[in-house]
Amino acid sequence: MTEVWILCAAYLIDRVVGDPRSLPHPVIIMGWWITRLERVIRSLVIEESHLKLAGVLFPLVIVGGSYAVVWLLLWVATFIHPVLAWILGAWLISTTIATKGLADAGMEIARHLVAGDMEAARRSLSMVVGRDTERLDEPEVCRGAVETVAENIVDAIVSPLIYAAIGGAPLAMAYRAANTLDSMVGYKNEKYLNLGWASARFDDVLNYIPARLTALLLVAASWLQRLDGKQCWAMIRRDAHLHPSPNSGLPEAGVAGALGVQLGGLNYYQGVASNRAKMGDAKRPLQASDIVATIRLMYLVSLLCLLVSVMISILL
């Protein structure tokens, strides 16, 4: 039962405190090591064709190293005092979850839209998406916010909770390392097509089951919140596979169905057009209230996932 209490404490820490800027965040440390490992690899590997093999080093060193460091920290803390190890474990797991961070980012955008401050809304959106936001109108700003919150339900909430339930703080941190790798080097562009393939594929594999669990939890949350649970499931089945990611389409299609809106469409990245498949039916234009509704769905899914994680932890 100790692991269950640690898991619940981690969830509460994230919901109430989030990620205070005054405390060092493990993702920043991971990013530092990823950048330096990339420099070492590129300095040693000259042939582009050899970068694909060298790319395997990223998950081996960064993911494996993250697991080992956290395991060692908890092992040392246990020798000092078991309570210290419990507190450290709960805090470390909480840093792999981003429920409060997602909600705060989404609500900031929604508040700017309600106040009629489009420039501020666009700036806030630009902090959480990679697309160009300077010329977006209100429905497009809303789409960007809804897509971001929906997509991150998997890798910022469900996956870390599930892995924490299976392997505690070390496995949760290893997952966060894999996800950070994907966000930094897992791009299918000229620079990272070979070097980042292993990181991108590894992240896809780790999120495969959690993404499908998220889809089921979204349907349940939609019914509980009296949204359109039937359409949530229908859009997941119809449109999720249209997304370029094998996992991200599930929560996005589910949210689109639950809210009765359409996600996807034309985005611009540094002035270059990128047309994403549309998910859901455009029954009405997106509005600021849809961001709030998505956040509420995300909160309920996170709570349902915590219950599932607790059951997994007890069974293991």
C-alpha atoms as a PDB file:
ATOM      1  CA  MET A   1       0.000   0.000   0.000  1.00  0.00           C
ATOM      2  CA  THR A   2       2.996   2.310   0.361  1.00  0.00           C
ATOM      3  CA  GLU A   3       3.322   2.532  -3.427  1.00  0.00           C
ATOM      4  CA  VAL A   4      -0.371   3.414  -3.693  1.00  0.00           C
ATOM      5  CA  TRP A   5       0.003   6.298  -1.244  1.00  0.00           C
ATOM      6  CA  ILE A   6       3.096   7.538  -3.071  1.00  0.00           C
ATOM      7  CA  LEU A   7       1.170   7.483  -6.358  1.00  0.00           C
ATOM      8  CA  CYS A   8      -1.785   9.371  -4.865  1.00  0.00           C
ATOM      9  CA  ALA A   9       0.529  11.898  -3.211  1.00  0.00           C
ATOM     10  CA  ALA A  10       2.314  12.497  -6.522  1.00  0.00           C
ATOM     11  CA  TYR A  11      -0.997  13.137  -8.259  1.00  0.00           C
ATOM     12  CA  LEU A  12      -2.079  15.587  -5.552  1.00  0.00           C
ATOM     13  CA  ILE A  13       1.257  17.414  -5.648  1.00  0.00           C
ATOM     14  CA  ASP A  14       0.875  17.943  -9.366  1.00  0.00           C
ATOM     15  CA  ARG A  15      -2.778  18.994  -9.116  1.00  0.00           C
ATOM     16  CA  VAL A  16      -2.137  21.504  -6.317  1.00  0.00           C
ATOM     17  CA  VAL A  17       1.458  22.658  -6.781  1.00  0.00           C
ATOM     18  CA  GLY A  18       2.388  21.742 -10.349  1.00  0.00           C
ATOM     19  CA  ASP A  19       5.962  22.544 -11.322  1.00  0.00           C
ATOM     20  CA  PRO A  20       7.227  25.525  -9.284  1.00  0.00           C
ATOM     21  CA  ARG A  21       9.880  27.472 -11.172  1.00  0.00           C
ATOM     22  CA  SER A  22      11.920  27.769  -7.984  1.00  0.00           C
ATOM     23  CA  LEU A  23      12.630  24.025  -8.013  1.00  0.00           C
ATOM     24  CA  PRO A  24      14.877  22.314 -10.584  1.00  0.00           C
ATOM     25  CA  HIS A  25      12.840  20.249 -13.048  1.00  0.00           C
ATOM     26  CA  PRO A  26      14.216  16.904 -14.237  1.00  0.00           C
ATOM     27  CA  VAL A  27      13.164  17.660 -17.841  1.00  0.00           C
ATOM     28  CA  ILE A  28      15.581  20.607 -17.928  1.00  0.00           C
ATOM     29  CA  ILE A  29      18.398  18.325 -16.813  1.00  0.00           C
ATOM     30  CA  MET A  30      17.368  15.748 -19.430  1.00  0.00           C
ATOM     31  CA  GLY A  31      17.366  18.435 -22.105  1.00  0.00           C
ATOM     32  CA  TRP A  32      20.892  19.477 -21.124  1.00  0.00           C
ATOM     33  CA  TRP A  33      22.183  15.906 -21.456  1.00  0.00           C
ATOM     34  CA  ILE A  34      20.317  15.304 -24.724  1.00  0.00           C
ATOM     35  CA  THR A  35      21.885  18.411 -26.268  1.00  0.00           C
ATOM     36  CA  ARG A  36      25.365  17.385 -25.215  1.00  0.00           C
ATOM     37  CA  LEU A  37      24.940  13.786 -26.320  1.00  0.00           C
ATOM     38  CA  GLU A  38      23.836  15.038 -29.737  1.00  0.00           C
ATOM     39  CA  ARG A  39      26.971  17.169 -29.985  1.00  0.00           C
ATOM     40  CA  VAL A  40      29.178  14.199 -29.102  1.00  0.00           C
ATOM     41  CA  ILE A  41      27.457  11.919 -31.629  1.00  0.00           C
ATOM     42  CA  ARG A  42      27.655  14.480 -34.449  1.00  0.00           C
ATOM     43  CA  SER A  43      31.329  15.148 -33.703  1.00  0.00           C
ATOM     44  CA  LEU A  44      32.184  11.441 -33.904  1.00  0.00           C
ATOM     45  CA  VAL A  45      29.841  10.281 -36.683  1.00  0.00           C
ATOM     46  CA  ILE A  46      30.561  11.921 -40.006  1.00  0.00           C
ATOM     47  CA  GLU A  47      28.578   9.772 -42.433  1.00  0.00           C
ATOM     48  CA  GLU A  48      24.863  10.572 -42.471  1.00  0.00           C
ATOM     49  CA  SER A  49      24.065   6.931 -43.100  1.00  0.00           C
ATOM     50  CA  HIS A  50      25.740   5.982 -39.798  1.00  0.00           C
ATOM     51  CA  LEU A  51      23.592   8.386 -37.776  1.00  0.00           C
ATOM     52  CA  LYS A  52      20.668   5.955 -37.818  1.00  0.00           C
ATOM     53  CA  LEU A  53      22.681   3.410 -35.842  1.00  0.00           C
ATOM     54  CA  ALA A  54      24.085   6.125 -33.582  1.00  0.00           C
ATOM     55  CA  GLY A  55      20.535   7.304 -32.859  1.00  0.00           C
ATOM     56  CA  VAL A  56      19.983   4.174 -30.773  1.00  0.00           C
ATOM     57  CA  LEU A  57      22.328   5.714 -28.207  1.00  0.00           C
ATOM     58  CA  PHE A  58      19.706   8.295 -27.243  1.00  0.00           C
ATOM     59  CA  PRO A  59      17.195   5.898 -25.657  1.00  0.00           C
ATOM     60  CA  LEU A  60      19.971   3.701 -24.285  1.00  0.00           C
ATOM     61  CA  VAL A  61      21.875   6.529 -22.576  1.00  0.00           C
ATOM     62  CA  ILE A  62      19.148   9.051 -21.725  1.00  0.00           C
ATOM     63  CA  VAL A  63      16.275   6.703 -20.855  1.00  0.00           C
ATOM     64  CA  GLY A  64      18.480   4.107 -19.229  1.00  0.00           C
ATOM     65  CA  GLY A  65      20.459   6.774 -17.404  1.00  0.00           C
ATOM     66  CA  SER A  66      17.309   8.452 -16.076  1.00  0.00           C
ATOM     67  CA  TYR A  67      16.037   5.165 -14.692  1.00  0.00           C
ATOM     68  CA  ALA A  68      19.389   4.383 -13.061  1.00  0.00           C
ATOM     69  CA  VAL A  69      19.841   7.824 -11.494  1.00  0.00           C
ATOM     70  CA  VAL A  70      16.360   7.871  -9.948  1.00  0.00           C
ATOM     71  CA  TRP A  71      16.715   4.295  -8.694  1.00  0.00           C
ATOM     72  CA  LEU A  72      20.046   5.223  -7.083  1.00  0.00           C
ATOM     73  CA  LEU A  73      18.632   8.382  -5.485  1.00  0.00           C
ATOM     74  CA  LEU A  74      15.772   6.414  -3.922  1.00  0.00           C
ATOM     75  CA  TRP A  75      18.147   3.675  -2.787  1.00  0.00           C
ATOM     76  CA  VAL A  76      20.322   6.243  -0.989  1.00  0.00           C
ATOM     77  CA  ALA A  77      17.270   8.006   0.456  1.00  0.00           C
ATOM     78  CA  THR A  78      15.992   4.701   1.871  1.00  0.00           C
ATOM     79  CA  PHE A  79      19.226   4.272   3.820  1.00  0.00           C
ATOM     80  CA  ILE A  80      18.831   7.763   5.297  1.00  0.00           C
ATOM     81  CA  HIS A  81      15.145   7.259   6.203  1.00  0.00           C
ATOM     82  CA  PRO A  82      12.254   5.434   4.512  1.00  0.00           C
ATOM     83  CA  VAL A  83      10.021   8.506   4.829  1.00  0.00           C
ATOM     84  CA  LEU A  84      12.570  10.551   2.882  1.00  0.00           C
ATOM     85  CA  ALA A  85      12.465   7.951   0.101  1.00  0.00           C
ATOM     86  CA  TRP A  86       8.643   8.110   0.020  1.00  0.00           C
ATOM     87  CA  ILE A  87       8.633  11.905  -0.170  1.00  0.00           C
ATOM     88  CA  LEU A  88      11.339  11.929  -2.842  1.00  0.00           C
ATOM     89  CA  GLY A  89       9.518   9.264  -4.855  1.00  0.00           C
ATOM     90  CA  ALA A  90       6.235  11.180  -4.726  1.00  0.00           C
ATOM     91  CA  TRP A  91       7.899  14.427  -5.807  1.00  0.00           C
ATOM     92  CA  LEU A  92       9.808  12.763  -8.647  1.00  0.00           C
ATOM     93  CA  ILE A  93       6.652  11.111  -9.976  1.00  0.00           C
ATOM     94  CA  SER A  94       4.783  14.426  -9.733  1.00  0.00           C
ATOM     95  CA  THR A  95       7.362  16.044 -12.036  1.00  0.00           C
ATOM     96  CA  THR A  96       6.508  13.520 -14.749  1.00  0.00           C
ATOM     97  CA  ILE A  97       2.822  14.565 -14.679  1.00  0.00           C
ATOM     98  CA  ALA A  98       1.567  17.898 -16.015  1.00  0.00           C
ATOM     99  CA  THR A  99      -2.147  18.100 -15.186  1.00  0.00           C
ATOM    100  CA  LYS A 100      -1.921  21.530 -13.574  1.00  0.00           C
ATOM    101  CA  GLY A 101       0.516  22.826 -16.182  1.00  0.00           C
ATOM    102  CA  LEU A 102      -1.796  21.839 -19.036  1.00  0.00           C
ATOM    103  CA  ALA A 103      -4.823  23.343 -17.315  1.00  0.00           C
ATOM    104  CA  ASP A 104      -3.045  26.593 -16.471  1.00  0.00           C
ATOM    105  CA  ALA A 105      -1.781  27.006 -20.046  1.00  0.00           C
ATOM    106  CA  GLY A 106      -5.210  26.348 -21.519  1.00  0.00           C
ATOM    107  CA  MET A 107      -7.048  28.589 -19.067  1.00  0.00           C
ATOM    108  CA  GLU A 108      -4.640  31.448 -19.730  1.00  0.00           C
ATOM    109  CA  ILE A 109      -5.516  31.316 -23.432  1.00  0.00           C
ATOM    110  CA  ALA A 110      -9.249  31.081 -22.662  1.00  0.00           C
ATOM    111  CA  ARG A 111      -9.123  34.086 -20.322  1.00  0.00           C
ATOM    112  CA  HIS A 112      -7.419  36.230 -22.963  1.00  0.00           C
ATOM    113  CA  LEU A 113     -10.057  35.233 -25.519  1.00  0.00           C
ATOM    114  CA  VAL A 114     -12.932  36.038 -23.160  1.00  0.00           C
ATOM    115  CA  ALA A 115     -11.322  39.423 -22.462  1.00  0.00           C
ATOM    116  CA  GLY A 116     -11.057  40.059 -26.201  1.00  0.00           C
ATOM    117  CA  ASP A 117      -7.259  40.273 -26.147  1.00  0.00           C
ATOM    118  CA  MET A 118      -6.363  38.314 -29.268  1.00  0.00           C
ATOM    119  CA  GLU A 119      -2.692  39.327 -29.246  1.00  0.00           C
ATOM    120  CA  ALA A 120      -2.231  37.987 -25.726  1.00  0.00           C
ATOM    121  CA  ALA A 121      -4.133  34.799 -26.618  1.00  0.00           C
ATOM    122  CA  ARG A 122      -1.877  34.237 -29.631  1.00  0.00           C
ATOM    123  CA  ARG A 123       1.248  34.811 -27.512  1.00  0.00           C
ATOM    124  CA  SER A 124       0.054  32.384 -24.860  1.00  0.00           C
ATOM    125  CA  LEU A 125      -0.734  29.764 -27.512  1.00  0.00           C
ATOM    126  CA  SER A 126       2.712  30.199 -29.065  1.00  0.00           C
ATOM    127  CA  MET A 127       4.236  29.088 -25.747  1.00  0.00           C
ATOM    128  CA  VAL A 128       2.666  25.619 -26.006  1.00  0.00           C
ATOM    129  CA  VAL A 129       2.517  24.895 -29.762  1.00  0.00           C
ATOM    130  CA  GLY A 130       5.065  24.846 -32.564  1.00  0.00           C
ATOM    131  CA  ARG A 131       2.782  26.331 -35.212  1.00  0.00           C
ATOM    132  CA  ASP A 132       2.784  29.985 -36.279  1.00  0.00           C
ATOM    133  CA  THR A 133       0.194  31.900 -34.256  1.00  0.00           C
ATOM    134  CA  GLU A 134       0.622  35.540 -35.318  1.00  0.00           C
ATOM    135  CA  ARG A 135      -2.342  35.621 -37.720  1.00  0.00           C
ATOM    136  CA  LEU A 136      -4.714  33.107 -36.163  1.00  0.00           C
ATOM    137  CA  ASP A 137      -8.331  34.142 -35.606  1.00  0.00           C
ATOM    138  CA  GLU A 138     -10.300  33.169 -32.494  1.00  0.00           C
ATOM    139  CA  PRO A 139     -11.562  29.738 -33.706  1.00  0.00           C
ATOM    140  CA  GLU A 140      -8.028  28.796 -34.798  1.00  0.00           C
ATOM    141  CA  VAL A 141      -6.538  29.876 -31.475  1.00  0.00           C
ATOM    142  CA  CYS A 142      -9.194  27.771 -29.756  1.00  0.00           C
ATOM    143  CA  ARG A 143      -8.358  24.827 -32.020  1.00  0.00           C
ATOM    144  CA  GLY A 144      -4.681  25.069 -31.153  1.00  0.00           C
ATOM    145  CA  ALA A 145      -5.418  25.128 -27.420  1.00  0.00           C
ATOM    146  CA  VAL A 146      -7.929  22.267 -27.545  1.00  0.00           C
ATOM    147  CA  GLU A 147      -5.602  20.108 -29.664  1.00  0.00           C
ATOM    148  CA  THR A 148      -2.681  20.737 -27.320  1.00  0.00           C
ATOM    149  CA  VAL A 149      -4.579  19.853 -24.160  1.00  0.00           C
ATOM    150  CA  ALA A 150      -6.198  16.815 -25.802  1.00  0.00           C
ATOM    151  CA  GLU A 151      -2.990  15.430 -27.300  1.00  0.00           C
ATOM    152  CA  ASN A 152      -1.032  15.824 -24.069  1.00  0.00           C
ATOM    153  CA  ILE A 153      -3.551  13.875 -21.999  1.00  0.00           C
ATOM    154  CA  VAL A 154      -1.627  10.778 -23.069  1.00  0.00           C
ATOM    155  CA  ASP A 155       2.016  11.732 -22.617  1.00  0.00           C
ATOM    156  CA  ALA A 156       1.610  14.250 -19.793  1.00  0.00           C
ATOM    157  CA  ILE A 157      -0.873  12.346 -17.614  1.00  0.00           C
ATOM    158  CA  VAL A 158      -1.943   8.812 -18.512  1.00  0.00           C
ATOM    159  CA  SER A 159       1.414   7.353 -19.576  1.00  0.00           C
ATOM    160  CA  PRO A 160       3.458   8.618 -16.590  1.00  0.00           C
ATOM    161  CA  LEU A 161       0.752   7.497 -14.141  1.00  0.00           C
ATOM    162  CA  ILE A 162       0.589   4.021 -15.661  1.00  0.00           C
ATOM    163  CA  TYR A 163       4.360   3.618 -15.704  1.00  0.00           C
ATOM    164  CA  ALA A 164       4.603   4.931 -12.149  1.00  0.00           C
ATOM    165  CA  ALA A 165       2.061   2.301 -11.105  1.00  0.00           C
ATOM    166  CA  ILE A 166       4.129  -0.437 -12.768  1.00  0.00           C
ATOM    167  CA  GLY A 167       7.652   0.606 -11.801  1.00  0.00           C
ATOM    168  CA  GLY A 168       7.472   3.563  -9.429  1.00  0.00           C
ATOM    169  CA  ALA A 169       9.459   6.773  -9.852  1.00  0.00           C
ATOM    170  CA  PRO A 170      12.342   5.182 -11.839  1.00  0.00           C
ATOM    171  CA  LEU A 171      10.067   3.890 -14.606  1.00  0.00           C
ATOM    172  CA  ALA A 172       7.962   7.063 -14.645  1.00  0.00           C
ATOM    173  CA  MET A 173      11.126   9.147 -15.055  1.00  0.00           C
ATOM    174  CA  ALA A 174      12.419   6.799 -17.759  1.00  0.00           C
ATOM    175  CA  TYR A 175       9.165   7.379 -19.630  1.00  0.00           C
ATOM    176  CA  ARG A 176       9.497  11.138 -19.224  1.00  0.00           C
ATOM    177  CA  ALA A 177      13.038  10.903 -20.615  1.00  0.00           C
ATOM    178  CA  ALA A 178      11.767   9.016 -23.669  1.00  0.00           C
ATOM    179  CA  ASN A 179       9.046  11.607 -24.218  1.00  0.00           C
ATOM    180  CA  THR A 180      11.530  14.464 -23.849  1.00  0.00           C
ATOM    181  CA  LEU A 181      13.794  12.779 -26.386  1.00  0.00           C
ATOM    182  CA  ASP A 182      10.932  12.576 -28.851  1.00  0.00           C
ATOM    183  CA  SER A 183      10.112  16.259 -28.402  1.00  0.00           C
ATOM    184  CA  MET A 184      13.741  17.269 -28.984  1.00  0.00           C
ATOM    185  CA  VAL A 185      15.083  14.903 -31.648  1.00  0.00           C
ATOM    186  CA  GLY A 186      12.121  12.854 -32.850  1.00  0.00           C
ATOM    187  CA  TYR A 187      11.361  14.979 -35.906  1.00  0.00           C
ATOM    188  CA  LYS A 188      11.021  13.632 -39.443  1.00  0.00           C
ATOM    189  CA  ASN A 189      13.031  16.436 -40.996  1.00  0.00           C
ATOM    190  CA  GLU A 190      16.418  16.511 -42.691  1.00  0.00           C
ATOM    191  CA  LYS A 191      18.293  17.155 -39.444  1.00  0.00           C
ATOM    192  CA  TYR A 192      16.779  14.357 -37.349  1.00  0.00           C
ATOM    193  CA  LEU A 193      15.361  11.836 -39.815  1.00  0.00           C
ATOM    194  CA  ASN A 194      18.222   9.409 -39.130  1.00  0.00           C
ATOM    195  CA  LEU A 195      19.491  10.548 -35.750  1.00  0.00           C
ATOM    196  CA  GLY A 196      16.079  10.775 -34.097  1.00  0.00           C
ATOM    197  CA  TRP A 197      14.258   7.771 -35.557  1.00  0.00           C
ATOM    198  CA  ALA A 198      14.935   5.485 -32.565  1.00  0.00           C
ATOM    199  CA  SER A 199      13.723   8.111 -30.094  1.00  0.00           C
ATOM    200  CA  ALA A 200      10.519   8.737 -32.072  1.00  0.00           C
ATOM    201  CA  ARG A 201       9.777   5.042 -32.482  1.00  0.00           C
ATOM    202  CA  PHE A 202      10.499   4.278 -28.816  1.00  0.00           C
ATOM    203  CA  ASP A 203       8.114   7.028 -27.689  1.00  0.00           C
ATOM    204  CA  ASP A 204       5.406   5.649 -30.004  1.00  0.00           C
ATOM    205  CA  VAL A 205       5.817   2.180 -28.513  1.00  0.00           C
ATOM    206  CA  LEU A 206       5.691   3.414 -24.918  1.00  0.00           C
ATOM    207  CA  ASN A 207       2.524   5.448 -25.579  1.00  0.00           C
ATOM    208  CA  TYR A 208       0.713   2.771 -27.584  1.00  0.00           C
ATOM    209  CA  ILE A 209      -1.248   1.113 -24.757  1.00  0.00           C
ATOM    210  CA  PRO A 210      -1.709   4.296 -22.641  1.00  0.00           C
ATOM    211  CA  ALA A 211      -3.159   6.094 -25.690  1.00  0.00           C
ATOM    212  CA  ARG A 212      -5.784   3.403 -26.136  1.00  0.00           C
ATOM    213  CA  LEU A 213      -6.564   3.447 -22.431  1.00  0.00           C
ATOM    214  CA  THR A 214      -6.963   7.232 -22.760  1.00  0.00           C
ATOM    215  CA  ALA A 215      -9.527   6.710 -25.516  1.00  0.00           C
ATOM    216  CA  LEU A 216     -11.623   4.489 -23.250  1.00  0.00           C
ATOM    217  CA  LEU A 217     -11.298   6.901 -20.335  1.00  0.00           C
ATOM    218  CA  LEU A 218     -12.341   9.811 -22.572  1.00  0.00           C
ATOM    219  CA  VAL A 219     -15.523   7.992 -23.535  1.00  0.00           C
ATOM    220  CA  ALA A 220     -16.282   7.303 -19.853  1.00  0.00           C
ATOM    221  CA  ALA A 221     -15.492  10.905 -18.878  1.00  0.00           C
ATOM    222  CA  SER A 222     -17.719  12.206 -21.673  1.00  0.00           C
ATOM    223  CA  TRP A 223     -20.671  10.190 -20.382  1.00  0.00           C
ATOM    224  CA  LEU A 224     -20.032  11.272 -16.790  1.00  0.00           C
ATOM    225  CA  GLN A 225     -19.891  14.941 -17.816  1.00  0.00           C
ATOM    226  CA  ARG A 226     -23.007  14.573 -19.981  1.00  0.00           C
ATOM    227  CA  LEU A 227     -21.147  15.298 -23.172  1.00  0.00           C
ATOM    228  CA  ASP A 228     -21.567  13.206 -26.317  1.00  0.00           C
ATOM    229  CA  GLY A 229     -19.945   9.938 -25.307  1.00  0.00           C
ATOM    230  CA  LYS A 230     -21.412   8.131 -28.299  1.00  0.00           C
ATOM    231  CA  GLN A 231     -19.851  10.579 -30.740  1.00  0.00           C
ATOM    232  CA  CYS A 232     -16.610  10.508 -28.763  1.00  0.00           C
ATOM    233  CA  TRP A 233     -16.300   6.790 -29.456  1.00  0.00           C
ATOM    234  CA  ALA A 234     -17.540   7.133 -33.035  1.00  0.00           C
ATOM    235  CA  MET A 235     -14.942   9.784 -33.906  1.00  0.00           C
ATOM    236  CA  ILE A 236     -12.163   7.754 -32.290  1.00  0.00           C
ATOM    237  CA  ARG A 237     -13.076   4.819 -34.507  1.00  0.00           C
ATOM    238  CA  ARG A 238     -13.571   6.933 -37.625  1.00  0.00           C
ATOM    239  CA  ASP A 239     -10.864   9.581 -37.490  1.00  0.00           C
ATOM    240  CA  ALA A 240      -8.077   8.688 -35.023  1.00  0.00           C
ATOM    241  CA  HIS A 241      -6.101   6.753 -37.646  1.00  0.00           C
ATOM    242  CA  LEU A 242      -5.948   9.847 -39.874  1.00  0.00           C
ATOM    243  CA  HIS A 243      -3.483  11.541 -37.504  1.00  0.00           C
ATOM    244  CA  PRO A 244       0.199  11.150 -38.472  1.00  0.00           C
ATOM    245  CA  SER A 245       0.930   9.885 -34.961  1.00  0.00           C
ATOM    246  CA  PRO A 246      -0.287   6.362 -34.075  1.00  0.00           C
ATOM    247  CA  ASN A 247      -1.277   7.658 -30.633  1.00  0.00           C
ATOM    248  CA  SER A 248      -2.110  11.378 -30.688  1.00  0.00           C
ATOM    249  CA  GLY A 249      -5.139  10.952 -32.941  1.00  0.00           C
ATOM    250  CA  LEU A 250      -7.010   8.977 -30.279  1.00  0.00           C
ATOM    251  CA  PRO A 251      -7.441  11.758 -27.688  1.00  0.00           C
ATOM    252  CA  GLU A 252      -7.866  14.464 -30.341  1.00  0.00           C
ATOM    253  CA  ALA A 253     -10.596  12.573 -32.199  1.00  0.00           C
ATOM    254  CA  GLY A 254     -12.253  11.680 -28.896  1.00  0.00           C
ATOM    255  CA  VAL A 255     -12.349  15.263 -27.671  1.00  0.00           C
ATOM    256  CA  ALA A 256     -13.623  16.452 -31.065  1.00  0.00           C
ATOM    257  CA  GLY A 257     -16.489  13.951 -30.884  1.00  0.00           C
ATOM    258  CA  ALA A 258     -17.337  14.695 -27.261  1.00  0.00           C
ATOM    259  CA  LEU A 259     -17.526  18.461 -27.875  1.00  0.00           C
ATOM    260  CA  GLY A 260     -19.130  18.265 -31.322  1.00  0.00           C
ATOM    261  CA  VAL A 261     -16.347  20.237 -33.014  1.00  0.00           C
ATOM    262  CA  GLN A 262     -13.743  19.639 -35.689  1.00  0.00           C
ATOM    263  CA  LEU A 263     -10.009  19.554 -35.028  1.00  0.00           C
ATOM    264  CA  GLY A 264      -7.127  19.394 -37.478  1.00  0.00           C
ATOM    265  CA  GLY A 265      -6.743  21.432 -40.639  1.00  0.00           C
ATOM    266  CA  LEU A 266      -4.190  23.836 -42.026  1.00  0.00           C
ATOM    267  CA  ASN A 267      -1.258  24.892 -39.828  1.00  0.00           C
ATOM    268  CA  TYR A 268       1.843  26.914 -40.652  1.00  0.00           C
ATOM    269  CA  TYR A 269       5.277  26.165 -39.223  1.00  0.00           C
ATOM    270  CA  GLN A 270       7.821  28.940 -39.834  1.00  0.00           C
ATOM    271  CA  GLY A 271       5.745  29.990 -42.820  1.00  0.00           C
ATOM    272  CA  VAL A 272       5.506  26.484 -44.308  1.00  0.00           C
ATOM    273  CA  ALA A 273       1.985  25.097 -44.726  1.00  0.00           C
ATOM    274  CA  SER A 274       1.130  21.733 -43.172  1.00  0.00           C
ATOM    275  CA  ASN A 275      -2.317  20.283 -43.771  1.00  0.00           C
ATOM    276  CA  ARG A 276      -3.422  17.909 -40.996  1.00  0.00           C
ATOM    277  CA  ALA A 277      -6.352  15.546 -41.430  1.00  0.00           C
ATOM    278  CA  LYS A 278      -9.580  16.831 -39.931  1.00  0.00           C
ATOM    279  CA  MET A 279     -11.133  14.935 -37.042  1.00  0.00           C
ATOM    280  CA  GLY A 280     -14.704  15.266 -35.869  1.00  0.00           C
ATOM    281  CA  ASP A 281     -17.630  17.054 -37.511  1.00  0.00           C
ATOM    282  CA  ALA A 282     -17.773  20.848 -37.666  1.00  0.00           C
ATOM    283  CA  LYS A 283     -21.198  21.261 -36.105  1.00  0.00           C
ATOM    284  CA  ARG A 284     -20.248  24.743 -34.875  1.00  0.00           C
ATOM    285  CA  PRO A 285     -17.208  27.049 -34.651  1.00  0.00           C
ATOM    286  CA  LEU A 286     -14.733  26.509 -31.841  1.00  0.00           C
ATOM    287  CA  GLN A 287     -14.902  28.983 -28.966  1.00  0.00           C
ATOM    288  CA  ALA A 288     -13.174  29.717 -25.662  1.00  0.00           C
ATOM    289  CA  SER A 289     -15.656  27.567 -23.736  1.00  0.00           C
ATOM    290  CA  ASP A 290     -14.379  24.534 -25.660  1.00  0.00           C
ATOM    291  CA  ILE A 291     -10.939  25.035 -24.120  1.00  0.00           C
ATOM    292  CA  VAL A 292     -12.498  25.008 -20.660  1.00  0.00           C
ATOM    293  CA  ALA A 293     -14.581  21.923 -21.521  1.00  0.00           C
ATOM    294  CA  THR A 294     -11.454  20.116 -22.743  1.00  0.00           C
ATOM    295  CA  ILE A 295      -9.648  20.959 -19.513  1.00  0.00           C
ATOM    296  CA  ARG A 296     -12.573  19.570 -17.496  1.00  0.00           C
ATOM    297  CA  LEU A 297     -12.441  16.385 -19.557  1.00  0.00           C
ATOM    298  CA  MET A 298      -8.703  16.194 -18.981  1.00  0.00           C
ATOM    299  CA  TYR A 299      -9.171  16.566 -15.218  1.00  0.00           C
ATOM    300  CA  LEU A 300     -11.737  13.775 -15.072  1.00  0.00           C
ATOM    301  CA  VAL A 301      -9.646  11.488 -17.281  1.00  0.00           C
ATOM    302  CA  SER A 302      -6.671  12.106 -14.978  1.00  0.00           C
ATOM    303  CA  LEU A 303      -8.746  11.117 -11.938  1.00  0.00           C
ATOM    304  CA  LEU A 304     -10.067   7.994 -13.653  1.00  0.00           C
ATOM    305  CA  CYS A 305      -6.523   7.109 -14.703  1.00  0.00           C
ATOM    306  CA  LEU A 306      -5.344   7.518 -11.119  1.00  0.00           C
ATOM    307  CA  LEU A 307      -7.955   4.956 -10.050  1.00  0.00           C
ATOM    308  CA  VAL A 308      -6.780   2.558 -12.764  1.00  0.00           C
ATOM    309  CA  SER A 309      -3.159   3.132 -11.751  1.00  0.00           C
ATOM    310  CA  VAL A 310      -3.967   2.427  -8.107  1.00  0.00           C
ATOM    311  CA  MET A 311      -5.605  -0.869  -9.104  1.00  0.00           C
ATOM    312  CA  ILE A 312      -2.550  -1.791 -11.194  1.00  0.00           C
ATOM    313  CA  SER A 313      -0.246  -0.943  -8.297  1.00  0.00           C
ATOM    314  CA  ILE A 314      -2.278  -3.073  -5.884  1.00  0.00           C
ATOM    315  CA  LEU A 315      -2.344  -6.027  -8.286  1.00  0.00           C
ATOM    316  CA  LEU A 316       1.398  -5.844  -8.820  1.00  0.00           C
END
